Amino acid sequence: MEKEELKANQDALERRAKKKPSAKKNKLTMVPLYCKGCGLCVHICPTGTLQLYDDPKNKFGASVKIDAPDFCIGCKMCELQCPDFALFVNYEEEKKEGGQ
């Protein structure tokens, strides 16, 4: 892993250390086939949910993993920033009283 990628991961972990897990349960989905490991999502995530890693199976040599899904606040910054549409945030519907 290159210096820049390590720095991105370190920055993400530092952001995560300042946060608490989100009360909302958002479903963050990553499509590995689309990911080129550019790290834009890792840099922009305010809670450090994502991490870069070396991925020999990826033709670009790196990929992103959802390292701490409980920290996702559903801001969709990663989804909006990703040039390859590899990330999607879906909101979990809150269950209303009475089972509806």
PDB file of N, CA and C in Angstrom:
ATOM      1  N   MET A   1       0.840  -1.172   0.000  1.00  0.00           N
ATOM      2  CA  MET A   1       0.000   0.000   0.000  1.00  0.00           C
ATOM      3  C   MET A   1       0.888   1.238   0.000  1.00  0.00           C
ATOM      4  N   GLU A   2       0.527   2.208  -0.815  1.00  0.00           N
ATOM      5  CA  GLU A   2       1.332   3.409  -0.948  1.00  0.00           C
ATOM      6  C   GLU A   2       1.115   4.369   0.217  1.00  0.00           C
ATOM      7  N   LYS A   3       2.041   5.309   0.336  1.00  0.00           N
ATOM      8  CA  LYS A   3       2.008   6.294   1.408  1.00  0.00           C
ATOM      9  C   LYS A   3       0.683   7.057   1.453  1.00  0.00           C
ATOM     10  N   GLU A   4       0.217   7.466   0.286  1.00  0.00           N
ATOM     11  CA  GLU A   4      -1.026   8.238   0.208  1.00  0.00           C
ATOM     12  C   GLU A   4      -2.220   7.427   0.713  1.00  0.00           C
ATOM     13  N   GLU A   5      -2.267   6.139   0.357  1.00  0.00           N
ATOM     14  CA  GLU A   5      -3.355   5.274   0.805  1.00  0.00           C
ATOM     15  C   GLU A   5      -3.290   5.063   2.312  1.00  0.00           C
ATOM     16  N   LEU A   6      -2.100   4.869   2.833  1.00  0.00           N
ATOM     17  CA  LEU A   6      -1.945   4.705   4.277  1.00  0.00           C
ATOM     18  C   LEU A   6      -2.394   5.958   5.018  1.00  0.00           C
ATOM     19  N   LYS A   7      -2.068   7.118   4.479  1.00  0.00           N
ATOM     20  CA  LYS A   7      -2.470   8.390   5.086  1.00  0.00           C
ATOM     21  C   LYS A   7      -3.987   8.522   5.071  1.00  0.00           C
ATOM     22  N   ALA A   8      -4.623   8.133   3.974  1.00  0.00           N
ATOM     23  CA  ALA A   8      -6.087   8.192   3.877  1.00  0.00           C
ATOM     24  C   ALA A   8      -6.728   7.307   4.935  1.00  0.00           C
ATOM     25  N   ASN A   9      -6.194   6.095   5.106  1.00  0.00           N
ATOM     26  CA  ASN A   9      -6.722   5.185   6.119  1.00  0.00           C
ATOM     27  C   ASN A   9      -6.512   5.738   7.520  1.00  0.00           C
ATOM     28  N   GLN A  10      -5.347   6.289   7.777  1.00  0.00           N
ATOM     29  CA  GLN A  10      -5.048   6.855   9.092  1.00  0.00           C
ATOM     30  C   GLN A  10      -5.989   8.023   9.388  1.00  0.00           C
ATOM     31  N   ASP A  11      -6.198   8.892   8.412  1.00  0.00           N
ATOM     32  CA  ASP A  11      -7.119  10.016   8.586  1.00  0.00           C
ATOM     33  C   ASP A  11      -8.536   9.524   8.874  1.00  0.00           C
ATOM     34  N   ALA A  12      -8.964   8.484   8.162  1.00  0.00           N
ATOM     35  CA  ALA A  12     -10.300   7.928   8.366  1.00  0.00           C
ATOM     36  C   ALA A  12     -10.445   7.362   9.776  1.00  0.00           C
ATOM     37  N   LEU A  13      -9.426   6.670  10.246  1.00  0.00           N
ATOM     38  CA  LEU A  13      -9.472   6.114  11.599  1.00  0.00           C
ATOM     39  C   LEU A  13      -9.502   7.217  12.651  1.00  0.00           C
ATOM     40  N   GLU A  14      -8.797   8.304  12.412  1.00  0.00           N
ATOM     41  CA  GLU A  14      -8.813   9.430  13.347  1.00  0.00           C
ATOM     42  C   GLU A  14     -10.199  10.075  13.393  1.00  0.00           C
ATOM     43  N   ARG A  15     -10.849  10.206  12.238  1.00  0.00           N
ATOM     44  CA  ARG A  15     -12.212  10.749  12.213  1.00  0.00           C
ATOM     45  C   ARG A  15     -13.164   9.825  12.959  1.00  0.00           C
ATOM     46  N   ARG A  16     -12.997   8.516  12.763  1.00  0.00           N
ATOM     47  CA  ARG A  16     -13.870   7.551  13.426  1.00  0.00           C
ATOM     48  C   ARG A  16     -13.696   7.597  14.941  1.00  0.00           C
ATOM     49  N   ALA A  17     -12.473   7.806  15.409  1.00  0.00           N
ATOM     50  CA  ALA A  17     -12.210   7.844  16.846  1.00  0.00           C
ATOM     51  C   ALA A  17     -12.954   8.990  17.530  1.00  0.00           C
ATOM     52  N   LYS A  18     -13.297  10.018  16.779  1.00  0.00           N
ATOM     53  CA  LYS A  18     -13.994  11.181  17.336  1.00  0.00           C
ATOM     54  C   LYS A  18     -15.511  11.023  17.299  1.00  0.00           C
ATOM     55  N   LYS A  19     -15.999   9.939  16.726  1.00  0.00           N
ATOM     56  CA  LYS A  19     -17.440   9.744  16.543  1.00  0.00           C
ATOM     57  C   LYS A  19     -17.927   8.550  17.349  1.00  0.00           C
ATOM     58  N   LYS A  20     -19.245   8.472  17.458  1.00  0.00           N
ATOM     59  CA  LYS A  20     -19.900   7.316  18.052  1.00  0.00           C
ATOM     60  C   LYS A  20     -20.668   6.617  16.932  1.00  0.00           C
ATOM     61  N   PRO A  21     -20.932   5.326  17.094  1.00  0.00           N
ATOM     62  CA  PRO A  21     -21.730   4.653  16.067  1.00  0.00           C
ATOM     63  C   PRO A  21     -23.069   5.366  15.865  1.00  0.00           C
ATOM     64  N   SER A  22     -23.554   5.359  14.665  1.00  0.00           N
ATOM     65  CA  SER A  22     -24.802   6.034  14.322  1.00  0.00           C
ATOM     66  C   SER A  22     -25.998   5.304  14.920  1.00  0.00           C
ATOM     67  N   ALA A  23     -26.976   6.072  15.384  1.00  0.00           N
ATOM     68  CA  ALA A  23     -28.202   5.482  15.919  1.00  0.00           C
ATOM     69  C   ALA A  23     -29.051   4.917  14.781  1.00  0.00           C
ATOM     70  N   LYS A  24     -28.971   5.557  13.611  1.00  0.00           N
ATOM     71  CA  LYS A  24     -29.694   5.059  12.443  1.00  0.00           C
ATOM     72  C   LYS A  24     -28.908   3.912  11.834  1.00  0.00           C
ATOM     73  N   LYS A  25     -29.616   2.953  11.346  1.00  0.00           N
ATOM     74  CA  LYS A  25     -28.960   1.826  10.690  1.00  0.00           C
ATOM     75  C   LYS A  25     -29.118   1.978   9.183  1.00  0.00           C
ATOM     76  N   ASN A  26     -28.092   2.499   8.569  1.00  0.00           N
ATOM     77  CA  ASN A  26     -28.083   2.678   7.125  1.00  0.00           C
ATOM     78  C   ASN A  26     -27.365   1.497   6.492  1.00  0.00           C
ATOM     79  N   LYS A  27     -27.832   1.095   5.347  1.00  0.00           N
ATOM     80  CA  LYS A  27     -27.184  -0.012   4.654  1.00  0.00           C
ATOM     81  C   LYS A  27     -26.278   0.558   3.571  1.00  0.00           C
ATOM     82  N   LEU A  28     -24.995   0.416   3.788  1.00  0.00           N
ATOM     83  CA  LEU A  28     -23.991   0.863   2.830  1.00  0.00           C
ATOM     84  C   LEU A  28     -23.575  -0.351   2.007  1.00  0.00           C
ATOM     85  N   THR A  29     -23.718  -0.243   0.704  1.00  0.00           N
ATOM     86  CA  THR A  29     -23.402  -1.346  -0.202  1.00  0.00           C
ATOM     87  C   THR A  29     -22.260  -0.947  -1.119  1.00  0.00           C
ATOM     88  N   MET A  30     -21.298  -1.834  -1.267  1.00  0.00           N
ATOM     89  CA  MET A  30     -20.145  -1.616  -2.130  1.00  0.00           C
ATOM     90  C   MET A  30     -20.171  -2.657  -3.237  1.00  0.00           C
ATOM     91  N   VAL A  31     -19.961  -2.227  -4.470  1.00  0.00           N
ATOM     92  CA  VAL A  31     -19.904  -3.135  -5.615  1.00  0.00           C
ATOM     93  C   VAL A  31     -18.430  -3.244  -6.021  1.00  0.00           C
ATOM     94  N   PRO A  32     -17.723  -4.282  -5.545  1.00  0.00           N
ATOM     95  CA  PRO A  32     -16.284  -4.403  -5.798  1.00  0.00           C
ATOM     96  C   PRO A  32     -15.908  -4.372  -7.276  1.00  0.00           C
ATOM     97  N   LEU A  33     -16.752  -4.904  -8.119  1.00  0.00           N
ATOM     98  CA  LEU A  33     -16.473  -4.933  -9.556  1.00  0.00           C
ATOM     99  C   LEU A  33     -16.326  -3.524 -10.140  1.00  0.00           C
ATOM    100  N   TYR A  34     -17.039  -2.561  -9.575  1.00  0.00           N
ATOM    101  CA  TYR A  34     -16.995  -1.184 -10.069  1.00  0.00           C
ATOM    102  C   TYR A  34     -15.865  -0.363  -9.459  1.00  0.00           C
ATOM    103  N   CYS A  35     -15.365  -0.774  -8.301  1.00  0.00           N
ATOM    104  CA  CYS A  35     -14.382   0.021  -7.557  1.00  0.00           C
ATOM    105  C   CYS A  35     -12.995  -0.046  -8.196  1.00  0.00           C
ATOM    106  N   LYS A  36     -12.386   1.126  -8.386  1.00  0.00           N
ATOM    107  CA  LYS A  36     -11.020   1.167  -8.909  1.00  0.00           C
ATOM    108  C   LYS A  36     -10.013   1.556  -7.830  1.00  0.00           C
ATOM    109  N   GLY A  37     -10.476   1.678  -6.589  1.00  0.00           N
ATOM    110  CA  GLY A  37      -9.566   1.959  -5.478  1.00  0.00           C
ATOM    111  C   GLY A  37      -8.977   3.354  -5.482  1.00  0.00           C
ATOM    112  N   CYS A  38      -9.704   4.329  -6.011  1.00  0.00           N
ATOM    113  CA  CYS A  38      -9.171   5.701  -6.079  1.00  0.00           C
ATOM    114  C   CYS A  38      -9.125   6.357  -4.705  1.00  0.00           C
ATOM    115  N   GLY A  39      -9.974   5.913  -3.783  1.00  0.00           N
ATOM    116  CA  GLY A  39      -9.942   6.427  -2.418  1.00  0.00           C
ATOM    117  C   GLY A  39     -10.694   7.722  -2.185  1.00  0.00           C
ATOM    118  N   LEU A  40     -11.389   8.239  -3.189  1.00  0.00           N
ATOM    119  CA  LEU A  40     -12.142   9.478  -2.998  1.00  0.00           C
ATOM    120  C   LEU A  40     -13.168   9.341  -1.879  1.00  0.00           C
ATOM    121  N   CYS A  41     -13.821   8.208  -1.814  1.00  0.00           N
ATOM    122  CA  CYS A  41     -14.836   7.979  -0.785  1.00  0.00           C
ATOM    123  C   CYS A  41     -14.215   7.928   0.610  1.00  0.00           C
ATOM    124  N   VAL A  42     -13.039   7.339   0.711  1.00  0.00           N
ATOM    125  CA  VAL A  42     -12.344   7.243   2.001  1.00  0.00           C
ATOM    126  C   VAL A  42     -11.984   8.639   2.498  1.00  0.00           C
ATOM    127  N   HIS A  43     -11.519   9.486   1.590  1.00  0.00           N
ATOM    128  CA  HIS A  43     -11.136  10.853   1.952  1.00  0.00           C
ATOM    129  C   HIS A  43     -12.331  11.690   2.394  1.00  0.00           C
ATOM    130  N   ILE A  44     -13.487  11.475   1.778  1.00  0.00           N
ATOM    131  CA  ILE A  44     -14.631  12.357   2.030  1.00  0.00           C
ATOM    132  C   ILE A  44     -15.532  11.888   3.169  1.00  0.00           C
ATOM    133  N   CYS A  45     -15.476  10.630   3.529  1.00  0.00           N
ATOM    134  CA  CYS A  45     -16.355  10.098   4.580  1.00  0.00           C
ATOM    135  C   CYS A  45     -16.069  10.794   5.916  1.00  0.00           C
ATOM    136  N   PRO A  46     -17.073  11.473   6.500  1.00  0.00           N
ATOM    137  CA  PRO A  46     -16.836  12.218   7.738  1.00  0.00           C
ATOM    138  C   PRO A  46     -16.667  11.335   8.973  1.00  0.00           C
ATOM    139  N   THR A  47     -17.039  10.060   8.866  1.00  0.00           N
ATOM    140  CA  THR A  47     -16.964   9.188  10.039  1.00  0.00           C
ATOM    141  C   THR A  47     -15.927   8.078   9.937  1.00  0.00           C
ATOM    142  N   GLY A  48     -15.187   8.012   8.853  1.00  0.00           N
ATOM    143  CA  GLY A  48     -14.147   6.989   8.721  1.00  0.00           C
ATOM    144  C   GLY A  48     -14.684   5.585   8.557  1.00  0.00           C
ATOM    145  N   THR A  49     -15.829   5.464   7.934  1.00  0.00           N
ATOM    146  CA  THR A  49     -16.473   4.162   7.744  1.00  0.00           C
ATOM    147  C   THR A  49     -15.731   3.275   6.745  1.00  0.00           C
ATOM    148  N   LEU A  50     -15.059   3.889   5.785  1.00  0.00           N
ATOM    149  CA  LEU A  50     -14.424   3.162   4.685  1.00  0.00           C
ATOM    150  C   LEU A  50     -12.909   3.124   4.824  1.00  0.00           C
ATOM    151  N   GLN A  51     -12.292   2.083   4.266  1.00  0.00           N
ATOM    152  CA  GLN A  51     -10.836   1.932   4.270  1.00  0.00           C
ATOM    153  C   GLN A  51     -10.374   1.407   2.911  1.00  0.00           C
ATOM    154  N   LEU A  52      -9.204   1.847   2.496  1.00  0.00           N
ATOM    155  CA  LEU A  52      -8.557   1.322   1.289  1.00  0.00           C
ATOM    156  C   LEU A  52      -7.749   0.083   1.650  1.00  0.00           C
ATOM    157  N   TYR A  53      -7.657  -0.852   0.745  1.00  0.00           N
ATOM    158  CA  TYR A  53      -6.790  -2.009   0.965  1.00  0.00           C
ATOM    159  C   TYR A  53      -6.238  -2.498  -0.370  1.00  0.00           C
ATOM    160  N   ASP A  54      -5.093  -3.151  -0.294  1.00  0.00           N
ATOM    161  CA  ASP A  54      -4.497  -3.764  -1.481  1.00  0.00           C
ATOM    162  C   ASP A  54      -5.370  -4.939  -1.896  1.00  0.00           C
ATOM    163  N   ASP A  55      -5.722  -4.975  -3.155  1.00  0.00           N
ATOM    164  CA  ASP A  55      -6.598  -6.021  -3.661  1.00  0.00           C
ATOM    165  C   ASP A  55      -6.028  -6.581  -4.962  1.00  0.00           C
ATOM    166  N   PRO A  56      -5.294  -7.693  -4.884  1.00  0.00           N
ATOM    167  CA  PRO A  56      -4.690  -8.265  -6.088  1.00  0.00           C
ATOM    168  C   PRO A  56      -5.729  -8.744  -7.110  1.00  0.00           C
ATOM    169  N   LYS A  57      -6.969  -8.978  -6.676  1.00  0.00           N
ATOM    170  CA  LYS A  57      -8.020  -9.414  -7.598  1.00  0.00           C
ATOM    171  C   LYS A  57      -8.550  -8.252  -8.439  1.00  0.00           C
ATOM    172  N   ASN A  58      -8.377  -7.035  -7.939  1.00  0.00           N
ATOM    173  CA  ASN A  58      -8.839  -5.849  -8.655  1.00  0.00           C
ATOM    174  C   ASN A  58      -7.783  -5.443  -9.672  1.00  0.00           C
ATOM    175  N   LYS A  59      -8.185  -5.185 -10.896  1.00  0.00           N
ATOM    176  CA  LYS A  59      -7.206  -4.855 -11.942  1.00  0.00           C
ATOM    177  C   LYS A  59      -6.453  -3.559 -11.653  1.00  0.00           C
ATOM    178  N   PHE A  60      -6.969  -2.727 -10.746  1.00  0.00           N
ATOM    179  CA  PHE A  60      -6.287  -1.490 -10.371  1.00  0.00           C
ATOM    180  C   PHE A  60      -5.373  -1.681  -9.160  1.00  0.00           C
ATOM    181  N   GLY A  61      -5.447  -2.849  -8.518  1.00  0.00           N
ATOM    182  CA  GLY A  61      -4.548  -3.172  -7.410  1.00  0.00           C
ATOM    183  C   GLY A  61      -5.015  -2.748  -6.035  1.00  0.00           C
ATOM    184  N   ALA A  62      -6.104  -1.997  -5.956  1.00  0.00           N
ATOM    185  CA  ALA A  62      -6.625  -1.558  -4.661  1.00  0.00           C
ATOM    186  C   ALA A  62      -8.142  -1.531  -4.725  1.00  0.00           C
ATOM    187  N   SER A  63      -8.754  -1.549  -3.559  1.00  0.00           N
ATOM    188  CA  SER A  63     -10.199  -1.472  -3.474  1.00  0.00           C
ATOM    189  C   SER A  63     -10.567  -0.842  -2.138  1.00  0.00           C
ATOM    190  N   VAL A  64     -11.837  -0.630  -1.931  1.00  0.00           N
ATOM    191  CA  VAL A  64     -12.343  -0.027  -0.699  1.00  0.00           C
ATOM    192  C   VAL A  64     -13.198  -1.056   0.012  1.00  0.00           C
ATOM    193  N   LYS A  65     -13.104  -1.058   1.334  1.00  0.00           N
ATOM    194  CA  LYS A  65     -13.968  -1.948   2.107  1.00  0.00           C
ATOM    195  C   LYS A  65     -14.755  -1.123   3.116  1.00  0.00           C
ATOM    196  N   ILE A  66     -15.921  -1.625   3.465  1.00  0.00           N
ATOM    197  CA  ILE A  66     -16.749  -1.011   4.493  1.00  0.00           C
ATOM    198  C   ILE A  66     -16.229  -1.553   5.813  1.00  0.00           C
ATOM    199  N   ASP A  67     -15.409  -0.764   6.472  1.00  0.00           N
ATOM    200  CA  ASP A  67     -14.684  -1.215   7.653  1.00  0.00           C
ATOM    201  C   ASP A  67     -15.492  -1.080   8.939  1.00  0.00           C
ATOM    202  N   ALA A  68     -16.372  -0.091   9.010  1.00  0.00           N
ATOM    203  CA  ALA A  68     -17.143   0.148  10.228  1.00  0.00           C
ATOM    204  C   ALA A  68     -18.564   0.582   9.865  1.00  0.00           C
ATOM    205  N   PRO A  69     -19.406  -0.349   9.404  1.00  0.00           N
ATOM    206  CA  PRO A  69     -20.740   0.014   8.929  1.00  0.00           C
ATOM    207  C   PRO A  69     -21.608   0.702   9.981  1.00  0.00           C
ATOM    208  N   ASP A  70     -21.384   0.424  11.250  1.00  0.00           N
ATOM    209  CA  ASP A  70     -22.183   1.046  12.309  1.00  0.00           C
ATOM    210  C   ASP A  70     -21.937   2.542  12.430  1.00  0.00           C
ATOM    211  N   PHE A  71     -20.852   3.035  11.835  1.00  0.00           N
ATOM    212  CA  PHE A  71     -20.532   4.454  11.914  1.00  0.00           C
ATOM    213  C   PHE A  71     -21.143   5.256  10.763  1.00  0.00           C
ATOM    214  N   CYS A  72     -21.718   4.575   9.785  1.00  0.00           N
ATOM    215  CA  CYS A  72     -22.318   5.261   8.638  1.00  0.00           C
ATOM    216  C   CYS A  72     -23.508   6.103   9.103  1.00  0.00           C
ATOM    217  N   ILE A  73     -23.477   7.408   8.785  1.00  0.00           N
ATOM    218  CA  ILE A  73     -24.563   8.311   9.163  1.00  0.00           C
ATOM    219  C   ILE A  73     -25.532   8.553   8.003  1.00  0.00           C
ATOM    220  N   GLY A  74     -25.266   7.931   6.874  1.00  0.00           N
ATOM    221  CA  GLY A  74     -26.162   8.035   5.729  1.00  0.00           C
ATOM    222  C   GLY A  74     -26.105   9.363   5.002  1.00  0.00           C
ATOM    223  N   CYS A  75     -24.985  10.054   5.064  1.00  0.00           N
ATOM    224  CA  CYS A  75     -24.858  11.370   4.422  1.00  0.00           C
ATOM    225  C   CYS A  75     -24.746  11.269   2.901  1.00  0.00           C
ATOM    226  N   LYS A  76     -24.427  10.099   2.402  1.00  0.00           N
ATOM    227  CA  LYS A  76     -24.286   9.809   0.967  1.00  0.00           C
ATOM    228  C   LYS A  76     -23.122  10.534   0.299  1.00  0.00           C
ATOM    229  N   MET A  77     -22.202  11.079   1.074  1.00  0.00           N
ATOM    230  CA  MET A  77     -21.055  11.760   0.481  1.00  0.00           C
ATOM    231  C   MET A  77     -20.222  10.791  -0.351  1.00  0.00           C
ATOM    232  N   CYS A  78     -20.045   9.566   0.139  1.00  0.00           N
ATOM    233  CA  CYS A  78     -19.274   8.567  -0.607  1.00  0.00           C
ATOM    234  C   CYS A  78     -19.964   8.230  -1.924  1.00  0.00           C
ATOM    235  N   GLU A  79     -21.273   8.057  -1.857  1.00  0.00           N
ATOM    236  CA  GLU A  79     -22.050   7.724  -3.053  1.00  0.00           C
ATOM    237  C   GLU A  79     -21.964   8.842  -4.093  1.00  0.00           C
ATOM    238  N   LEU A  80     -22.058  10.072  -3.640  1.00  0.00           N
ATOM    239  CA  LEU A  80     -22.004  11.217  -4.550  1.00  0.00           C
ATOM    240  C   LEU A  80     -20.611  11.442  -5.125  1.00  0.00           C
ATOM    241  N   GLN A  81     -19.581  11.116  -4.353  1.00  0.00           N
ATOM    242  CA  GLN A  81     -18.202  11.359  -4.774  1.00  0.00           C
ATOM    243  C   GLN A  81     -17.660  10.269  -5.705  1.00  0.00           C
ATOM    244  N   CYS A  82     -18.179   9.063  -5.586  1.00  0.00           N
ATOM    245  CA  CYS A  82     -17.637   7.928  -6.343  1.00  0.00           C
ATOM    246  C   CYS A  82     -17.867   8.100  -7.850  1.00  0.00           C
ATOM    247  N   PRO A  83     -16.783   8.176  -8.634  1.00  0.00           N
ATOM    248  CA  PRO A  83     -16.931   8.359 -10.079  1.00  0.00           C
ATOM    249  C   PRO A  83     -17.400   7.095 -10.802  1.00  0.00           C
ATOM    250  N   ASP A  84     -17.365   5.968 -10.109  1.00  0.00           N
ATOM    251  CA  ASP A  84     -17.703   4.695 -10.747  1.00  0.00           C
ATOM    252  C   ASP A  84     -18.994   4.073 -10.221  1.00  0.00           C
ATOM    253  N   PHE A  85     -19.728   4.805  -9.385  1.00  0.00           N
ATOM    254  CA  PHE A  85     -21.002   4.333  -8.841  1.00  0.00           C
ATOM    255  C   PHE A  85     -20.862   2.992  -8.119  1.00  0.00           C
ATOM    256  N   ALA A  86     -19.789   2.864  -7.344  1.00  0.00           N
ATOM    257  CA  ALA A  86     -19.511   1.612  -6.644  1.00  0.00           C
ATOM    258  C   ALA A  86     -20.116   1.566  -5.244  1.00  0.00           C
ATOM    259  N   LEU A  87     -20.619   2.692  -4.746  1.00  0.00           N
ATOM    260  CA  LEU A  87     -21.187   2.754  -3.399  1.00  0.00           C
ATOM    261  C   LEU A  87     -22.628   3.239  -3.437  1.00  0.00           C
ATOM    262  N   PHE A  88     -23.452   2.613  -2.585  1.00  0.00           N
ATOM    263  CA  PHE A  88     -24.857   2.993  -2.467  1.00  0.00           C
ATOM    264  C   PHE A  88     -25.243   3.013  -0.998  1.00  0.00           C
ATOM    265  N   VAL A  89     -25.986   4.033  -0.600  1.00  0.00           N
ATOM    266  CA  VAL A  89     -26.503   4.113   0.766  1.00  0.00           C
ATOM    267  C   VAL A  89     -28.012   3.956   0.691  1.00  0.00           C
ATOM    268  N   ASN A  90     -28.530   3.002   1.434  1.00  0.00           N
ATOM    269  CA  ASN A  90     -29.973   2.798   1.538  1.00  0.00           C
ATOM    270  C   ASN A  90     -30.363   2.998   2.989  1.00  0.00           C
ATOM    271  N   TYR A  91     -31.429   3.732   3.188  1.00  0.00           N
ATOM    272  CA  TYR A  91     -31.888   3.994   4.543  1.00  0.00           C
ATOM    273  C   TYR A  91     -32.805   2.877   4.993  1.00  0.00           C
ATOM    274  N   GLU A  92     -32.585   2.423   6.221  1.00  0.00           N
ATOM    275  CA  GLU A  92     -33.451   1.404   6.791  1.00  0.00           C
ATOM    276  C   GLU A  92     -34.689   2.103   7.322  1.00  0.00           C
ATOM    277  N   GLU A  93     -35.832   1.626   6.937  1.00  0.00           N
ATOM    278  CA  GLU A  93     -37.072   2.253   7.377  1.00  0.00           C
ATOM    279  C   GLU A  93     -37.287   1.990   8.854  1.00  0.00           C
ATOM    280  N   GLU A  94     -37.714   3.053   9.548  1.00  0.00           N
ATOM    281  CA  GLU A  94     -38.006   2.910  10.968  1.00  0.00           C
ATOM    282  C   GLU A  94     -39.349   2.211  11.111  1.00  0.00           C
ATOM    283  N   LYS A  95     -39.396   1.252  12.026  1.00  0.00           N
ATOM    284  CA  LYS A  95     -40.642   0.537  12.269  1.00  0.00           C
ATOM    285  C   LYS A  95     -41.521   1.385  13.178  1.00  0.00           C
ATOM    286  N   LYS A  96     -42.766   1.549  12.759  1.00  0.00           N
ATOM    287  CA  LYS A  96     -43.717   2.320  13.557  1.00  0.00           C
ATOM    288  C   LYS A  96     -44.371   1.402  14.570  1.00  0.00           C
ATOM    289  N   GLU A  97     -44.865   2.019  15.641  1.00  0.00           N
ATOM    290  CA  GLU A  97     -45.554   1.228  16.655  1.00  0.00           C
ATOM    291  C   GLU A  97     -46.795   0.596  16.040  1.00  0.00           C
ATOM    292  N   GLY A  98     -47.133  -0.567  16.490  1.00  0.00           N
ATOM    293  CA  GLY A  98     -48.282  -1.275  15.961  1.00  0.00           C
ATOM    294  C   GLY A  98     -47.929  -2.174  14.788  1.00  0.00           C
ATOM    295  N   GLY A  99     -46.626  -2.299  14.487  1.00  0.00           N
ATOM    296  CA  GLY A  99     -46.179  -3.209  13.451  1.00  0.00           C
ATOM    297  C   GLY A  99     -46.343  -2.706  12.033  1.00  0.00           C
ATOM    298  N   GLN A 100     -46.584  -1.424  11.861  1.00  0.00           N
ATOM    299  CA  GLN A 100     -46.787  -0.897  10.512  1.00  0.00           C
ATOM    300  C   GLN A 100     -45.598  -0.163  10.013  1.00  0.00           C
TER     301      GLN A 100
END
